[in-house]
Amino acid sequence: MGRWENSGQKQKTFCDNEGVSYVQFGYWRTLYLKSRGKNKSRFKRIDLKHSSPPSAGQIQLALPNGVRMVVSAGVGEKELMAVLRCASSC
């Protein structure tokens, strides 16, 4: 699981590249997540570092699956979580 998580690839792409059954990978991933108590979303804490001032109150996100998002800095936590869940499933 660590190799896949560090690869930045979608599950299907990783499985194809590694010659692993996608269905079997999903089974083992489920067991892995349950064993680690991570059956919910995999959000990680981040520290923001600005190399330049934020542009007009916007937050730009680049997700590991290649999706890029720009949201208002004033977006609510619930709305942002919903957008992130949707984007992470792309």
N, C-alpha and C. Protein backbone atom coordinates (compact mmCIF):
# COMPACT_ATOMS: atom_id res chain seq x y z
N MET A 1 0.83 -1.19 0.00
CA MET A 1 0.00 0.00 0.00
C MET A 1 0.87 1.25 0.00
N GLY A 2 1.98 1.19 0.71
CA GLY A 2 2.86 2.35 0.77
C GLY A 2 3.40 2.74 -0.60
N ARG A 3 3.74 1.74 -1.40
CA ARG A 3 4.25 2.04 -2.75
C ARG A 3 3.19 2.73 -3.59
N TRP A 4 1.94 2.25 -3.48
CA TRP A 4 0.87 2.89 -4.24
C TRP A 4 0.64 4.31 -3.73
N GLU A 5 0.55 4.48 -2.40
CA GLU A 5 0.29 5.81 -1.84
C GLU A 5 1.37 6.81 -2.25
N ASN A 6 2.62 6.36 -2.29
CA ASN A 6 3.73 7.25 -2.66
C ASN A 6 3.85 7.46 -4.16
N SER A 7 3.18 6.63 -4.95
CA SER A 7 3.30 6.73 -6.40
C SER A 7 2.54 7.92 -6.97
N GLY A 8 1.47 8.34 -6.29
CA GLY A 8 0.64 9.42 -6.82
C GLY A 8 -0.26 8.97 -7.96
N GLN A 9 -0.28 7.67 -8.24
CA GLN A 9 -1.08 7.15 -9.33
C GLN A 9 -2.48 6.75 -8.85
N LYS A 10 -3.41 6.73 -9.80
CA LYS A 10 -4.72 6.17 -9.49
C LYS A 10 -4.55 4.68 -9.25
N GLN A 11 -5.45 4.09 -8.50
CA GLN A 11 -5.34 2.68 -8.17
C GLN A 11 -5.26 1.81 -9.42
N LYS A 12 -6.13 2.04 -10.38
CA LYS A 12 -6.18 1.22 -11.60
C LYS A 12 -4.87 1.31 -12.36
N THR A 13 -4.32 2.50 -12.49
CA THR A 13 -3.06 2.69 -13.20
C THR A 13 -1.94 1.96 -12.49
N PHE A 14 -1.88 2.09 -11.17
CA PHE A 14 -0.85 1.41 -10.39
C PHE A 14 -0.95 -0.10 -10.58
N CYS A 15 -2.15 -0.64 -10.50
CA CYS A 15 -2.35 -2.08 -10.66
C CYS A 15 -1.91 -2.55 -12.04
N ASP A 16 -2.29 -1.80 -13.07
CA ASP A 16 -1.89 -2.16 -14.43
C ASP A 16 -0.37 -2.16 -14.57
N ASN A 17 0.28 -1.14 -14.02
CA ASN A 17 1.75 -1.03 -14.12
C ASN A 17 2.45 -2.13 -13.33
N GLU A 18 1.85 -2.58 -12.24
CA GLU A 18 2.48 -3.58 -11.38
C GLU A 18 2.03 -5.01 -11.69
N GLY A 19 1.06 -5.15 -12.60
CA GLY A 19 0.56 -6.48 -12.93
C GLY A 19 -0.25 -7.10 -11.80
N VAL A 20 -0.96 -6.26 -11.06
CA VAL A 20 -1.76 -6.70 -9.92
C VAL A 20 -3.24 -6.61 -10.30
N SER A 21 -4.03 -7.57 -9.87
CA SER A 21 -5.47 -7.53 -10.11
C SER A 21 -6.07 -6.34 -9.35
N TYR A 22 -6.82 -5.52 -10.08
CA TYR A 22 -7.45 -4.34 -9.48
C TYR A 22 -8.43 -4.75 -8.38
N VAL A 23 -9.19 -5.82 -8.60
CA VAL A 23 -10.16 -6.30 -7.62
C VAL A 23 -9.43 -6.78 -6.36
N GLN A 24 -8.37 -7.55 -6.55
CA GLN A 24 -7.62 -8.05 -5.40
C GLN A 24 -6.95 -6.90 -4.64
N PHE A 25 -6.44 -5.91 -5.39
CA PHE A 25 -5.84 -4.74 -4.76
C PHE A 25 -6.87 -4.04 -3.86
N GLY A 26 -8.09 -3.88 -4.36
CA GLY A 26 -9.15 -3.24 -3.58
C GLY A 26 -9.46 -4.01 -2.30
N TYR A 27 -9.47 -5.32 -2.41
CA TYR A 27 -9.71 -6.17 -1.23
C TYR A 27 -8.62 -5.94 -0.18
N TRP A 28 -7.36 -6.02 -0.62
CA TRP A 28 -6.25 -5.86 0.33
C TRP A 28 -6.18 -4.43 0.87
N ARG A 29 -6.55 -3.45 0.05
CA ARG A 29 -6.56 -2.06 0.53
C ARG A 29 -7.60 -1.87 1.62
N THR A 30 -8.77 -2.48 1.44
CA THR A 30 -9.82 -2.40 2.46
C THR A 30 -9.34 -3.00 3.77
N LEU A 31 -8.72 -4.17 3.71
CA LEU A 31 -8.20 -4.79 4.93
C LEU A 31 -7.12 -3.92 5.58
N TYR A 32 -6.25 -3.38 4.75
CA TYR A 32 -5.17 -2.51 5.24
C TYR A 32 -5.74 -1.29 5.96
N LEU A 33 -6.72 -0.63 5.34
CA LEU A 33 -7.31 0.57 5.94
C LEU A 33 -8.03 0.24 7.25
N LYS A 34 -8.75 -0.87 7.26
CA LYS A 34 -9.44 -1.27 8.49
C LYS A 34 -8.45 -1.57 9.61
N SER A 35 -7.35 -2.22 9.26
CA SER A 35 -6.35 -2.57 10.28
C SER A 35 -5.67 -1.33 10.86
N ARG A 36 -5.65 -0.27 10.10
CA ARG A 36 -5.02 0.97 10.56
C ARG A 36 -6.05 1.97 11.07
N GLY A 37 -7.32 1.57 11.07
CA GLY A 37 -8.37 2.49 11.53
C GLY A 37 -8.57 3.65 10.61
N LYS A 38 -8.30 3.47 9.31
CA LYS A 38 -8.41 4.55 8.35
C LYS A 38 -9.44 4.23 7.28
N ASN A 39 -10.57 3.74 7.68
CA ASN A 39 -11.60 3.40 6.71
C ASN A 39 -12.33 4.65 6.22
N LYS A 40 -12.03 5.77 6.79
CA LYS A 40 -12.62 7.04 6.37
C LYS A 40 -11.65 7.75 5.44
N SER A 41 -11.92 8.98 5.10
CA SER A 41 -11.07 9.70 4.16
C SER A 41 -9.66 9.88 4.71
N ARG A 42 -8.72 10.09 3.79
CA ARG A 42 -7.31 10.17 4.16
C ARG A 42 -6.81 11.61 4.14
N PHE A 43 -7.47 12.50 4.85
CA PHE A 43 -7.00 13.87 4.90
C PHE A 43 -5.79 13.96 5.80
N LYS A 44 -4.83 14.76 5.40
CA LYS A 44 -3.63 14.97 6.18
C LYS A 44 -3.53 16.44 6.55
N ARG A 45 -2.97 16.69 7.71
CA ARG A 45 -2.76 18.06 8.14
C ARG A 45 -1.67 18.69 7.27
N ILE A 46 -1.87 19.92 6.87
CA ILE A 46 -0.86 20.62 6.07
C ILE A 46 -0.53 21.94 6.73
N ASP A 47 0.68 22.38 6.53
CA ASP A 47 1.11 23.70 6.97
C ASP A 47 1.27 24.56 5.73
N LEU A 48 0.64 25.71 5.75
CA LEU A 48 0.71 26.60 4.60
C LEU A 48 1.95 27.46 4.67
N LYS A 49 2.67 27.50 3.58
CA LYS A 49 3.85 28.35 3.46
C LYS A 49 3.67 29.18 2.20
N HIS A 50 3.74 30.46 2.34
CA HIS A 50 3.52 31.34 1.19
C HIS A 50 4.86 31.80 0.63
N SER A 51 5.09 31.49 -0.66
CA SER A 51 6.26 32.03 -1.33
C SER A 51 5.90 33.39 -1.92
N SER A 52 4.62 33.62 -2.10
CA SER A 52 4.11 34.91 -2.55
C SER A 52 2.74 35.09 -1.93
N PRO A 53 2.25 36.32 -1.87
CA PRO A 53 0.93 36.54 -1.27
C PRO A 53 -0.16 35.79 -2.03
N PRO A 54 -1.16 35.26 -1.31
CA PRO A 54 -2.26 34.59 -2.00
C PRO A 54 -2.98 35.54 -2.94
N SER A 55 -3.43 35.04 -4.07
CA SER A 55 -4.07 35.91 -5.06
C SER A 55 -5.54 36.09 -4.76
N ALA A 56 -5.93 37.27 -4.44
CA ALA A 56 -7.32 37.68 -4.27
C ALA A 56 -8.14 36.73 -3.40
N GLY A 57 -7.60 36.29 -2.29
CA GLY A 57 -8.36 35.47 -1.37
C GLY A 57 -8.69 34.08 -1.88
N GLN A 58 -7.82 33.51 -2.70
CA GLN A 58 -8.06 32.19 -3.25
C GLN A 58 -7.08 31.17 -2.68
N ILE A 59 -7.53 29.93 -2.64
CA ILE A 59 -6.68 28.81 -2.24
C ILE A 59 -6.59 27.89 -3.45
N GLN A 60 -5.37 27.54 -3.84
CA GLN A 60 -5.18 26.64 -4.97
C GLN A 60 -4.68 25.30 -4.43
N LEU A 61 -5.32 24.23 -4.86
CA LEU A 61 -4.97 22.89 -4.41
C LEU A 61 -4.62 22.02 -5.61
N ALA A 62 -3.56 21.22 -5.46
CA ALA A 62 -3.20 20.22 -6.46
C ALA A 62 -3.26 18.87 -5.76
N LEU A 63 -4.23 18.04 -6.14
CA LEU A 63 -4.42 16.74 -5.51
C LEU A 63 -3.54 15.68 -6.17
N PRO A 64 -3.21 14.61 -5.44
CA PRO A 64 -2.35 13.57 -6.00
C PRO A 64 -2.90 12.92 -7.27
N ASN A 65 -4.21 12.97 -7.48
CA ASN A 65 -4.79 12.34 -8.68
C ASN A 65 -4.76 13.27 -9.88
N GLY A 66 -4.07 14.43 -9.76
CA GLY A 66 -3.93 15.35 -10.88
C GLY A 66 -4.98 16.44 -10.94
N VAL A 67 -6.01 16.37 -10.11
CA VAL A 67 -7.06 17.38 -10.10
C VAL A 67 -6.52 18.64 -9.44
N ARG A 68 -6.76 19.78 -10.08
CA ARG A 68 -6.37 21.08 -9.52
C ARG A 68 -7.63 21.86 -9.23
N MET A 69 -7.64 22.53 -8.08
CA MET A 69 -8.82 23.27 -7.66
C MET A 69 -8.42 24.66 -7.20
N VAL A 70 -9.31 25.61 -7.42
CA VAL A 70 -9.16 26.96 -6.89
C VAL A 70 -10.46 27.27 -6.17
N VAL A 71 -10.36 27.59 -4.87
CA VAL A 71 -11.55 27.90 -4.09
C VAL A 71 -11.33 29.22 -3.36
N SER A 72 -12.43 29.83 -3.01
CA SER A 72 -12.37 31.07 -2.25
C SER A 72 -11.80 30.79 -0.86
N ALA A 73 -10.97 31.67 -0.36
CA ALA A 73 -10.39 31.49 0.97
C ALA A 73 -11.47 31.50 2.03
N GLY A 74 -12.64 32.02 1.73
CA GLY A 74 -13.72 32.09 2.69
C GLY A 74 -14.68 30.90 2.65
N VAL A 75 -14.36 29.88 1.89
CA VAL A 75 -15.25 28.72 1.77
C VAL A 75 -15.36 28.03 3.13
N GLY A 76 -16.55 27.54 3.44
CA GLY A 76 -16.77 26.86 4.71
C GLY A 76 -16.16 25.48 4.73
N GLU A 77 -15.90 24.97 5.93
CA GLU A 77 -15.26 23.65 6.08
C GLU A 77 -16.10 22.54 5.45
N LYS A 78 -17.41 22.56 5.69
CA LYS A 78 -18.28 21.50 5.15
C LYS A 78 -18.29 21.51 3.63
N GLU A 79 -18.37 22.70 3.05
CA GLU A 79 -18.38 22.80 1.59
C GLU A 79 -17.05 22.34 1.01
N LEU A 80 -15.95 22.73 1.63
CA LEU A 80 -14.63 22.33 1.14
C LEU A 80 -14.46 20.82 1.24
N MET A 81 -14.90 20.22 2.33
CA MET A 81 -14.80 18.77 2.50
C MET A 81 -15.61 18.05 1.41
N ALA A 82 -16.79 18.56 1.09
CA ALA A 82 -17.62 17.94 0.06
C ALA A 82 -16.94 18.04 -1.31
N VAL A 83 -16.35 19.18 -1.61
CA VAL A 83 -15.66 19.36 -2.88
C VAL A 83 -14.44 18.44 -2.95
N LEU A 84 -13.69 18.33 -1.88
CA LEU A 84 -12.50 17.46 -1.85
C LEU A 84 -12.88 15.99 -2.01
N ARG A 85 -13.95 15.58 -1.36
CA ARG A 85 -14.41 14.18 -1.52
C ARG A 85 -14.75 13.91 -2.99
N CYS A 86 -15.46 14.83 -3.58
CA CYS A 86 -15.85 14.66 -4.98
C CYS A 86 -14.61 14.65 -5.89
N ALA A 87 -13.70 15.57 -5.68
CA ALA A 87 -12.50 15.67 -6.52
C ALA A 87 -11.60 14.47 -6.36
N SER A 88 -11.53 13.89 -5.16
CA SER A 88 -10.64 12.76 -4.94
C SER A 88 -11.16 11.49 -5.59
N SER A 89 -12.44 11.48 -5.96
CA SER A 89 -12.99 10.28 -6.61
C SER A 89 -12.88 10.37 -8.14
N CYS A 90 -12.36 11.47 -8.66
CA CYS A 90 -12.22 11.62 -10.12
C CYS A 90 -11.16 10.67 -10.67
